[in-house]
Amino acid sequence: DRFAAFLASRGVEKGDCIALFLQNCPQYIIAHYGIQRLGATVVP
């Protein structure tokens, strides 16, 4: 939810593409679902 709030503050909206360029880590999980909580699209 905190990550989703950050994305919303940056103007991320439903349908926007946000990329994950990471190794395996908790940050990956958090960002993945934070992006989708706004209806945005995860791009691994």
All heavy atoms as atom14 arrays in JSON, in Angstrom:
{
  "sequence": "DRFAAFLASRGVEKGDCIALFLQNCPQYIIAHYGIQRLGATVVP",
  "atom14_mask": [
    [1, 1, 1, 1, 1, 1, 1, 1, 0, 0, 0, 0, 0, 0],
    [1, 1, 1, 1, 1, 1, 1, 1, 1, 1, 1, 0, 0, 0],
    [1, 1, 1, 1, 1, 1, 1, 1, 1, 1, 1, 0, 0, 0],
    [1, 1, 1, 1, 1, 0, 0, 0, 0, 0, 0, 0, 0, 0],
    [1, 1, 1, 1, 1, 0, 0, 0, 0, 0, 0, 0, 0, 0],
    [1, 1, 1, 1, 1, 1, 1, 1, 1, 1, 1, 0, 0, 0],
    [1, 1, 1, 1, 1, 1, 1, 1, 0, 0, 0, 0, 0, 0],
    [1, 1, 1, 1, 1, 0, 0, 0, 0, 0, 0, 0, 0, 0],
    [1, 1, 1, 1, 1, 1, 0, 0, 0, 0, 0, 0, 0, 0],
    [1, 1, 1, 1, 1, 1, 1, 1, 1, 1, 1, 0, 0, 0],
    [1, 1, 1, 1, 0, 0, 0, 0, 0, 0, 0, 0, 0, 0],
    [1, 1, 1, 1, 1, 1, 1, 0, 0, 0, 0, 0, 0, 0],
    [1, 1, 1, 1, 1, 1, 1, 1, 1, 0, 0, 0, 0, 0],
    [1, 1, 1, 1, 1, 1, 1, 1, 1, 0, 0, 0, 0, 0],
    [1, 1, 1, 1, 0, 0, 0, 0, 0, 0, 0, 0, 0, 0],
    [1, 1, 1, 1, 1, 1, 1, 1, 0, 0, 0, 0, 0, 0],
    [1, 1, 1, 1, 1, 1, 0, 0, 0, 0, 0, 0, 0, 0],
    [1, 1, 1, 1, 1, 1, 1, 1, 0, 0, 0, 0, 0, 0],
    [1, 1, 1, 1, 1, 0, 0, 0, 0, 0, 0, 0, 0, 0],
    [1, 1, 1, 1, 1, 1, 1, 1, 0, 0, 0, 0, 0, 0],
    [1, 1, 1, 1, 1, 1, 1, 1, 1, 1, 1, 0, 0, 0],
    [1, 1, 1, 1, 1, 1, 1, 1, 0, 0, 0, 0, 0, 0],
    [1, 1, 1, 1, 1, 1, 1, 1, 1, 0, 0, 0, 0, 0],
    [1, 1, 1, 1, 1, 1, 1, 1, 0, 0, 0, 0, 0, 0],
    [1, 1, 1, 1, 1, 1, 0, 0, 0, 0, 0, 0, 0, 0],
    [1, 1, 1, 1, 1, 1, 1, 0, 0, 0, 0, 0, 0, 0],
    [1, 1, 1, 1, 1, 1, 1, 1, 1, 0, 0, 0, 0, 0],
    [1, 1, 1, 1, 1, 1, 1, 1, 1, 1, 1, 1, 0, 0],
    [1, 1, 1, 1, 1, 1, 1, 1, 0, 0, 0, 0, 0, 0],
    [1, 1, 1, 1, 1, 1, 1, 1, 0, 0, 0, 0, 0, 0],
    [1, 1, 1, 1, 1, 0, 0, 0, 0, 0, 0, 0, 0, 0],
    [1, 1, 1, 1, 1, 1, 1, 1, 1, 1, 0, 0, 0, 0],
    [1, 1, 1, 1, 1, 1, 1, 1, 1, 1, 1, 1, 0, 0],
    [1, 1, 1, 1, 0, 0, 0, 0, 0, 0, 0, 0, 0, 0],
    [1, 1, 1, 1, 1, 1, 1, 1, 0, 0, 0, 0, 0, 0],
    [1, 1, 1, 1, 1, 1, 1, 1, 1, 0, 0, 0, 0, 0],
    [1, 1, 1, 1, 1, 1, 1, 1, 1, 1, 1, 0, 0, 0],
    [1, 1, 1, 1, 1, 1, 1, 1, 0, 0, 0, 0, 0, 0],
    [1, 1, 1, 1, 0, 0, 0, 0, 0, 0, 0, 0, 0, 0],
    [1, 1, 1, 1, 1, 0, 0, 0, 0, 0, 0, 0, 0, 0],
    [1, 1, 1, 1, 1, 1, 1, 0, 0, 0, 0, 0, 0, 0],
    [1, 1, 1, 1, 1, 1, 1, 0, 0, 0, 0, 0, 0, 0],
    [1, 1, 1, 1, 1, 1, 1, 0, 0, 0, 0, 0, 0, 0],
    [1, 1, 1, 1, 1, 1, 1, 0, 0, 0, 0, 0, 0, 0]
  ],
  "atom14_positions": [
    [[0.82, -1.21, 0.0], [0.0, 0.0, 0.0], [0.86, 1.26, 0.0], [0.51, 2.26, -0.64], [-0.94, 0.0, 1.2], [-2.24, -0.74, 0.93], [-2.56, -0.94, -0.26], [-2.93, -1.12, 1.88], [0.0, 0.0, 0.0], [0.0, 0.0, 0.0], [0.0, 0.0, 0.0], [0.0, 0.0, 0.0], [0.0, 0.0, 0.0], [0.0, 0.0, 0.0]],
    [[1.95, 1.24, 0.74], [2.85, 2.41, 0.75], [3.49, 2.61, -0.62], [3.63, 3.75, -1.09], [3.92, 2.26, 1.83], [3.4, 2.42, 3.25], [4.49, 2.22, 4.29], [3.99, 2.36, 5.64], [3.9, 3.51, 6.31], [4.33, 4.64, 5.74], [3.42, 3.55, 7.54], [0.0, 0.0, 0.0], [0.0, 0.0, 0.0], [0.0, 0.0, 0.0]],
    [[3.87, 1.51, -1.26], [4.47, 1.63, -2.58], [3.42, 2.12, -3.59], [3.72, 2.95, -4.46], [5.05, 0.28, -3.04], [5.91, 0.4, -4.26], [7.22, 0.84, -4.17], [5.41, 0.1, -5.52], [8.01, 0.98, -5.3], [6.19, 0.23, -6.65], [7.49, 0.67, -6.55], [0.0, 0.0, 0.0], [0.0, 0.0, 0.0], [0.0, 0.0, 0.0]],
    [[2.2, 1.64, -3.48], [1.13, 2.11, -4.36], [0.89, 3.6, -4.16], [0.64, 4.33, -5.14], [-0.15, 1.32, -4.08], [0.0, 0.0, 0.0], [0.0, 0.0, 0.0], [0.0, 0.0, 0.0], [0.0, 0.0, 0.0], [0.0, 0.0, 0.0], [0.0, 0.0, 0.0], [0.0, 0.0, 0.0], [0.0, 0.0, 0.0], [0.0, 0.0, 0.0]],
    [[0.97, 4.06, -2.91], [0.78, 5.49, -2.64], [1.89, 6.31, -3.3], [1.63, 7.4, -3.84], [0.77, 5.74, -1.13], [0.0, 0.0, 0.0], [0.0, 0.0, 0.0], [0.0, 0.0, 0.0], [0.0, 0.0, 0.0], [0.0, 0.0, 0.0], [0.0, 0.0, 0.0], [0.0, 0.0, 0.0], [0.0, 0.0, 0.0], [0.0, 0.0, 0.0]],
    [[3.11, 5.81, -3.26], [4.21, 6.5, -3.94], [3.93, 6.6, -5.44], [4.08, 7.67, -6.05], [5.54, 5.77, -3.71], [6.57, 6.06, -4.77], [7.24, 7.27, -4.79], [6.83, 5.12, -5.77], [8.17, 7.56, -5.78], [7.76, 5.4, -6.76], [8.42, 6.62, -6.77], [0.0, 0.0, 0.0], [0.0, 0.0, 0.0], [0.0, 0.0, 0.0]],
    [[3.54, 5.47, -6.04], [3.26, 5.48, -7.48], [2.15, 6.47, -7.81], [2.24, 7.21, -8.8], [2.86, 4.08, -7.94], [3.94, 2.99, -7.89], [3.35, 1.63, -8.27], [5.13, 3.32, -8.78], [0.0, 0.0, 0.0], [0.0, 0.0, 0.0], [0.0, 0.0, 0.0], [0.0, 0.0, 0.0], [0.0, 0.0, 0.0], [0.0, 0.0, 0.0]],
    [[1.09, 6.49, -6.99], [-0.01, 7.42, -7.23], [0.48, 8.87, -7.15], [0.06, 9.73, -7.94], [-1.12, 7.18, -6.23], [0.0, 0.0, 0.0], [0.0, 0.0, 0.0], [0.0, 0.0, 0.0], [0.0, 0.0, 0.0], [0.0, 0.0, 0.0], [0.0, 0.0, 0.0], [0.0, 0.0, 0.0], [0.0, 0.0, 0.0], [0.0, 0.0, 0.0]],
    [[1.42, 9.13, -6.22], [1.96, 10.49, -6.1], [2.76, 10.89, -7.32], [2.97, 12.09, -7.57], [2.83, 10.6, -4.84], [4.09, 9.95, -5.02], [0.0, 0.0, 0.0], [0.0, 0.0, 0.0], [0.0, 0.0, 0.0], [0.0, 0.0, 0.0], [0.0, 0.0, 0.0], [0.0, 0.0, 0.0], [0.0, 0.0, 0.0], [0.0, 0.0, 0.0]],
    [[3.23, 9.92, -8.07], [3.99, 10.17, -9.29], [3.1, 10.15, -10.53], [3.6, 10.14, -11.66], [5.09, 9.12, -9.43], [6.23, 9.29, -8.43], [7.11, 10.43, -8.86], [8.08, 10.82, -7.85], [9.22, 11.44, -8.1], [9.52, 11.72, -9.37], [10.03, 11.8, -7.15], [0.0, 0.0, 0.0], [0.0, 0.0, 0.0], [0.0, 0.0, 0.0]],
    [[1.82, 10.1, -10.31], [0.89, 10.17, -11.42], [0.64, 8.86, -12.13], [0.06, 8.84, -13.24], [0.0, 0.0, 0.0], [0.0, 0.0, 0.0], [0.0, 0.0, 0.0], [0.0, 0.0, 0.0], [0.0, 0.0, 0.0], [0.0, 0.0, 0.0], [0.0, 0.0, 0.0], [0.0, 0.0, 0.0], [0.0, 0.0, 0.0], [0.0, 0.0, 0.0]],
    [[1.03, 7.74, -11.53], [0.8, 6.44, -12.16], [-0.69, 6.12, -12.1], [-1.32, 6.21, -11.04], [1.63, 5.33, -11.48], [1.27, 3.96, -12.04], [3.12, 5.6, -11.65], [0.0, 0.0, 0.0], [0.0, 0.0, 0.0], [0.0, 0.0, 0.0], [0.0, 0.0, 0.0], [0.0, 0.0, 0.0], [0.0, 0.0, 0.0], [0.0, 0.0, 0.0]],
    [[-1.23, 5.72, -13.23], [-2.65, 5.42, -13.33], [-2.86, 4.04, -13.93], [-1.92, 3.4, -14.43], [-3.34, 6.48, -14.2], [-3.25, 7.89, -13.65], [-3.86, 8.91, -14.59], [-3.97, 8.61, -15.81], [-4.24, 10.01, -14.13], [0.0, 0.0, 0.0], [0.0, 0.0, 0.0], [0.0, 0.0, 0.0], [0.0, 0.0, 0.0], [0.0, 0.0, 0.0]],
    [[-4.09, 3.62, -13.9], [-4.48, 2.35, -14.49], [-4.0, 2.26, -15.94], [-4.2, 3.2, -16.72], [-6.01, 2.22, -14.43], [-6.58, 0.93, -14.95], [-8.09, 0.94, -14.74], [-8.75, -0.29, -15.32], [-10.21, -0.27, -15.1], [0.0, 0.0, 0.0], [0.0, 0.0, 0.0], [0.0, 0.0, 0.0], [0.0, 0.0, 0.0], [0.0, 0.0, 0.0]],
    [[-3.33, 1.17, -16.27], [-2.85, 0.96, -17.63], [-1.43, 1.41, -17.87], [-0.83, 1.03, -18.89], [0.0, 0.0, 0.0], [0.0, 0.0, 0.0], [0.0, 0.0, 0.0], [0.0, 0.0, 0.0], [0.0, 0.0, 0.0], [0.0, 0.0, 0.0], [0.0, 0.0, 0.0], [0.0, 0.0, 0.0], [0.0, 0.0, 0.0], [0.0, 0.0, 0.0]],
    [[-0.84, 2.21, -16.97], [0.56, 2.62, -17.14], [1.49, 1.43, -16.95], [1.22, 0.53, -16.15], [0.93, 3.71, -16.12], [0.34, 5.07, -16.46], [-0.02, 5.26, -17.64], [0.23, 5.92, -15.56], [0.0, 0.0, 0.0], [0.0, 0.0, 0.0], [0.0, 0.0, 0.0], [0.0, 0.0, 0.0], [0.0, 0.0, 0.0], [0.0, 0.0, 0.0]],
    [[2.61, 1.44, -17.67], [3.59, 0.35, -17.59], [4.73, 0.73, -16.65], [5.39, 1.77, -16.86], [4.15, 0.03, -18.97], [2.96, -0.78, -20.05], [0.0, 0.0, 0.0], [0.0, 0.0, 0.0], [0.0, 0.0, 0.0], [0.0, 0.0, 0.0], [0.0, 0.0, 0.0], [0.0, 0.0, 0.0], [0.0, 0.0, 0.0], [0.0, 0.0, 0.0]],
    [[4.97, -0.09, -15.64], [6.07, 0.1, -14.69], [6.94, -1.14, -14.74], [6.44, -2.27, -14.58], [5.55, 0.32, -13.26], [4.51, 1.45, -13.23], [6.72, 0.62, -12.32], [5.03, 2.81, -13.64], [0.0, 0.0, 0.0], [0.0, 0.0, 0.0], [0.0, 0.0, 0.0], [0.0, 0.0, 0.0], [0.0, 0.0, 0.0], [0.0, 0.0, 0.0]],
    [[8.24, -0.95, -14.95], [9.15, -2.08, -15.14], [9.87, -2.46, -13.85], [10.19, -1.59, -13.03], [10.17, -1.74, -16.22], [0.0, 0.0, 0.0], [0.0, 0.0, 0.0], [0.0, 0.0, 0.0], [0.0, 0.0, 0.0], [0.0, 0.0, 0.0], [0.0, 0.0, 0.0], [0.0, 0.0, 0.0], [0.0, 0.0, 0.0], [0.0, 0.0, 0.0]],
    [[10.14, -3.74, -13.7], [10.92, -4.27, -12.58], [12.22, -4.84, -13.15], [12.2, -5.78, -13.95], [10.14, -5.37, -11.85], [8.8, -4.96, -11.24], [8.17, -6.15, -10.53], [8.97, -3.79, -10.29], [0.0, 0.0, 0.0], [0.0, 0.0, 0.0], [0.0, 0.0, 0.0], [0.0, 0.0, 0.0], [0.0, 0.0, 0.0], [0.0, 0.0, 0.0]],
    [[13.33, -4.25, -12.73], [14.66, -4.64, -13.21], [15.48, -5.03, -12.0], [16.35, -4.31, -11.54], [15.28, -3.46, -13.97], [16.53, -3.76, -14.74], [16.67, -4.92, -15.48], [17.59, -2.85, -14.74], [17.83, -5.18, -16.19], [18.75, -3.1, -15.44], [18.87, -4.27, -16.17], [0.0, 0.0, 0.0], [0.0, 0.0, 0.0], [0.0, 0.0, 0.0]],
    [[15.16, -6.2, -11.45], [15.67, -6.61, -10.14], [16.0, -8.1, -10.1], [15.41, -8.89, -10.83], [14.59, -6.39, -9.06], [14.09, -5.01, -8.74], [12.75, -5.12, -8.03], [15.08, -4.27, -7.87], [0.0, 0.0, 0.0], [0.0, 0.0, 0.0], [0.0, 0.0, 0.0], [0.0, 0.0, 0.0], [0.0, 0.0, 0.0], [0.0, 0.0, 0.0]],
    [[16.91, -8.44, -9.2], [17.08, -9.84, -8.81], [15.94, -10.21, -7.86], [15.17, -9.35, -7.43], [18.43, -10.04, -8.11], [19.64, -9.56, -8.88], [20.06, -10.51, -9.99], [19.49, -11.58, -10.15], [21.06, -10.11, -10.75], [0.0, 0.0, 0.0], [0.0, 0.0, 0.0], [0.0, 0.0, 0.0], [0.0, 0.0, 0.0], [0.0, 0.0, 0.0]],
    [[15.85, -11.47, -7.48], [14.86, -11.9, -6.49], [15.1, -11.17, -5.17], [16.24, -11.15, -4.66], [14.96, -13.4, -6.24], [14.55, -14.24, -7.43], [14.25, -13.72, -8.5], [14.55, -15.55, -7.25], [0.0, 0.0, 0.0], [0.0, 0.0, 0.0], [0.0, 0.0, 0.0], [0.0, 0.0, 0.0], [0.0, 0.0, 0.0], [0.0, 0.0, 0.0]],
    [[14.06, -10.6, -4.6], [14.17, -9.9, -3.33], [12.76, -9.52, -2.88], [11.82, -9.51, -3.69], [15.04, -8.65, -3.45], [14.43, -7.45, -4.67], [0.0, 0.0, 0.0], [0.0, 0.0, 0.0], [0.0, 0.0, 0.0], [0.0, 0.0, 0.0], [0.0, 0.0, 0.0], [0.0, 0.0, 0.0], [0.0, 0.0, 0.0], [0.0, 0.0, 0.0]],
    [[12.56, -9.18, -1.6], [11.22, -8.75, -1.15], [10.73, -7.52, -1.9], [9.52, -7.35, -2.11], [11.44, -8.46, 0.34], [12.59, -9.31, 0.74], [13.49, -9.32, -0.47], [0.0, 0.0, 0.0], [0.0, 0.0, 0.0], [0.0, 0.0, 0.0], [0.0, 0.0, 0.0], [0.0, 0.0, 0.0], [0.0, 0.0, 0.0], [0.0, 0.0, 0.0]],
    [[11.66, -6.64, -2.28], [11.26, -5.44, -3.01], [10.52, -5.78, -4.29], [9.64, -5.04, -4.73], [12.51, -4.59, -3.33], [13.23, -4.03, -2.09], [14.38, -4.91, -1.65], [14.22, -6.11, -1.48], [15.54, -4.31, -1.45], [0.0, 0.0, 0.0], [0.0, 0.0, 0.0], [0.0, 0.0, 0.0], [0.0, 0.0, 0.0], [0.0, 0.0, 0.0]],
    [[10.92, -6.89, -4.92], [10.27, -7.32, -6.16], [8.79, -7.63, -5.88], [7.9, -7.18, -6.61], [10.97, -8.55, -6.73], [10.63, -8.84, -8.17], [11.56, -8.64, -9.18], [9.38, -9.31, -8.53], [11.24, -8.89, -10.51], [9.05, -9.57, -9.85], [10.0, -9.36, -10.84], [9.67, -9.6, -12.14], [0.0, 0.0, 0.0], [0.0, 0.0, 0.0]],
    [[8.53, -8.4, -4.82], [7.16, -8.78, -4.47], [6.33, -7.53, -4.17], [5.2, -7.37, -4.66], [7.16, -9.7, -3.24], [8.16, -10.86, -3.38], [5.75, -10.2, -2.94], [7.81, -11.89, -4.38], [0.0, 0.0, 0.0], [0.0, 0.0, 0.0], [0.0, 0.0, 0.0], [0.0, 0.0, 0.0], [0.0, 0.0, 0.0], [0.0, 0.0, 0.0]],
    [[6.89, -6.65, -3.35], [6.19, -5.43, -2.93], [5.85, -4.57, -4.14], [4.71, -4.1, -4.29], [7.05, -4.65, -1.92], [7.22, -5.46, -0.63], [6.44, -3.28, -1.63], [8.37, -4.98, 0.24], [0.0, 0.0, 0.0], [0.0, 0.0, 0.0], [0.0, 0.0, 0.0], [0.0, 0.0, 0.0], [0.0, 0.0, 0.0], [0.0, 0.0, 0.0]],
    [[6.83, -4.34, -5.0], [6.61, -3.49, -6.17], [5.6, -4.12, -7.13], [4.72, -3.43, -7.67], [7.93, -3.23, -6.88], [0.0, 0.0, 0.0], [0.0, 0.0, 0.0], [0.0, 0.0, 0.0], [0.0, 0.0, 0.0], [0.0, 0.0, 0.0], [0.0, 0.0, 0.0], [0.0, 0.0, 0.0], [0.0, 0.0, 0.0], [0.0, 0.0, 0.0]],
    [[5.71, -5.42, -7.34], [4.8, -6.12, -8.26], [3.34, -5.87, -7.87], [2.52, -5.45, -8.71], [5.11, -7.62, -8.23], [4.25, -8.48, -9.1], [4.66, -8.94, -10.33], [2.99, -8.96, -8.94], [3.7, -9.66, -10.88], [2.67, -9.69, -10.05], [0.0, 0.0, 0.0], [0.0, 0.0, 0.0], [0.0, 0.0, 0.0], [0.0, 0.0, 0.0]],
    [[3.02, -6.12, -6.6], [1.63, -5.97, -6.19], [1.25, -4.51, -5.95], [0.07, -4.14, -6.09], [1.36, -6.83, -4.96], [1.33, -8.3, -5.31], [2.31, -9.18, -4.83], [0.37, -8.81, -6.16], [2.3, -10.52, -5.18], [0.35, -10.14, -6.53], [1.31, -11.0, -6.04], [1.31, -12.33, -6.41], [0.0, 0.0, 0.0], [0.0, 0.0, 0.0]],
    [[2.21, -3.65, -5.62], [1.93, -2.23, -5.5], [1.53, -1.63, -6.84], [0.61, -0.8, -6.93], [0.0, 0.0, 0.0], [0.0, 0.0, 0.0], [0.0, 0.0, 0.0], [0.0, 0.0, 0.0], [0.0, 0.0, 0.0], [0.0, 0.0, 0.0], [0.0, 0.0, 0.0], [0.0, 0.0, 0.0], [0.0, 0.0, 0.0], [0.0, 0.0, 0.0]],
    [[2.21, -2.05, -7.9], [1.87, -1.6, -9.25], [0.46, -2.05, -9.61], [-0.38, -1.26, -10.08], [2.89, -2.16, -10.27], [4.28, -1.55, -10.04], [2.43, -1.9, -11.71], [5.4, -2.32, -10.73], [0.0, 0.0, 0.0], [0.0, 0.0, 0.0], [0.0, 0.0, 0.0], [0.0, 0.0, 0.0], [0.0, 0.0, 0.0], [0.0, 0.0, 0.0]],
    [[0.18, -3.32, -9.38], [-1.12, -3.86, -9.78], [-2.26, -3.34, -8.91], [-3.41, -3.28, -9.37], [-1.07, -5.39, -9.74], [-0.15, -5.98, -10.81], [-0.24, -7.48, -10.91], [-0.62, -8.16, -9.97], [0.14, -8.01, -12.06], [0.0, 0.0, 0.0], [0.0, 0.0, 0.0], [0.0, 0.0, 0.0], [0.0, 0.0, 0.0], [0.0, 0.0, 0.0]],
    [[-1.96, -2.9, -7.69], [-3.01, -2.35, -6.83], [-3.6, -1.08, -7.44], [-4.75, -0.73, -7.17], [-2.48, -2.09, -5.43], [-3.57, -1.83, -4.39], [-3.12, -2.15, -2.99], [-3.16, -3.59, -2.74], [-2.85, -4.16, -1.57], [-2.46, -3.4, -0.57], [-2.91, -5.46, -1.41], [0.0, 0.0, 0.0], [0.0, 0.0, 0.0], [0.0, 0.0, 0.0]],
    [[-2.84, -0.39, -8.27], [-3.34, 0.81, -8.95], [-3.95, 0.47, -10.31], [-4.37, 1.37, -11.04], [-2.2, 1.82, -9.14], [-1.63, 2.47, -7.9], [-0.53, 3.45, -8.28], [-2.71, 3.17, -7.1], [0.0, 0.0, 0.0], [0.0, 0.0, 0.0], [0.0, 0.0, 0.0], [0.0, 0.0, 0.0], [0.0, 0.0, 0.0], [0.0, 0.0, 0.0]],
    [[-3.96, -0.82, -10.66], [-4.45, -1.2, -11.98], [-3.42, -0.97, -13.06], [-3.74, -1.06, -14.26], [0.0, 0.0, 0.0], [0.0, 0.0, 0.0], [0.0, 0.0, 0.0], [0.0, 0.0, 0.0], [0.0, 0.0, 0.0], [0.0, 0.0, 0.0], [0.0, 0.0, 0.0], [0.0, 0.0, 0.0], [0.0, 0.0, 0.0], [0.0, 0.0, 0.0]],
    [[-2.2, -0.67, -12.66], [-1.12, -0.48, -13.62], [-0.56, -1.84, -14.03], [-0.92, -2.88, -13.49], [-0.03, 0.41, -13.04], [0.0, 0.0, 0.0], [0.0, 0.0, 0.0], [0.0, 0.0, 0.0], [0.0, 0.0, 0.0], [0.0, 0.0, 0.0], [0.0, 0.0, 0.0], [0.0, 0.0, 0.0], [0.0, 0.0, 0.0], [0.0, 0.0, 0.0]],
    [[0.37, -1.82, -15.0], [0.86, -3.05, -15.62], [2.32, -3.3, -15.24], [3.17, -2.43, -15.43], [0.75, -2.96, -17.15], [-0.61, -2.71, -17.5], [1.23, -4.24, -17.82], [0.0, 0.0, 0.0], [0.0, 0.0, 0.0], [0.0, 0.0, 0.0], [0.0, 0.0, 0.0], [0.0, 0.0, 0.0], [0.0, 0.0, 0.0], [0.0, 0.0, 0.0]],
    [[2.6, -4.49, -14.72], [3.97, -4.9, -14.38], [4.68, -5.36, -15.65], [4.16, -6.18, -16.41], [3.95, -6.06, -13.36], [5.37, -6.59, -13.13], [3.34, -5.6, -12.04], [0.0, 0.0, 0.0], [0.0, 0.0, 0.0], [0.0, 0.0, 0.0], [0.0, 0.0, 0.0], [0.0, 0.0, 0.0], [0.0, 0.0, 0.0], [0.0, 0.0, 0.0]],
    [[5.9, -4.81, -15.87], [6.73, -5.22, -17.0], [8.03, -5.79, -16.43], [8.94, -5.04, -16.06], [7.03, -4.04, -17.94], [7.87, -4.52, -19.12], [5.75, -3.39, -18.43], [0.0, 0.0, 0.0], [0.0, 0.0, 0.0], [0.0, 0.0, 0.0], [0.0, 0.0, 0.0], [0.0, 0.0, 0.0], [0.0, 0.0, 0.0], [0.0, 0.0, 0.0]],
    [[8.16, -7.12, -16.29], [9.39, -7.7, -15.76], [10.51, -7.65, -16.8], [10.31, -8.01, -17.96], [9.0, -9.14, -15.43], [7.81, -9.43, -16.27], [7.14, -8.13, -16.56], [0.0, 0.0, 0.0], [0.0, 0.0, 0.0], [0.0, 0.0, 0.0], [0.0, 0.0, 0.0], [0.0, 0.0, 0.0], [0.0, 0.0, 0.0], [0.0, 0.0, 0.0]]
  ]
}
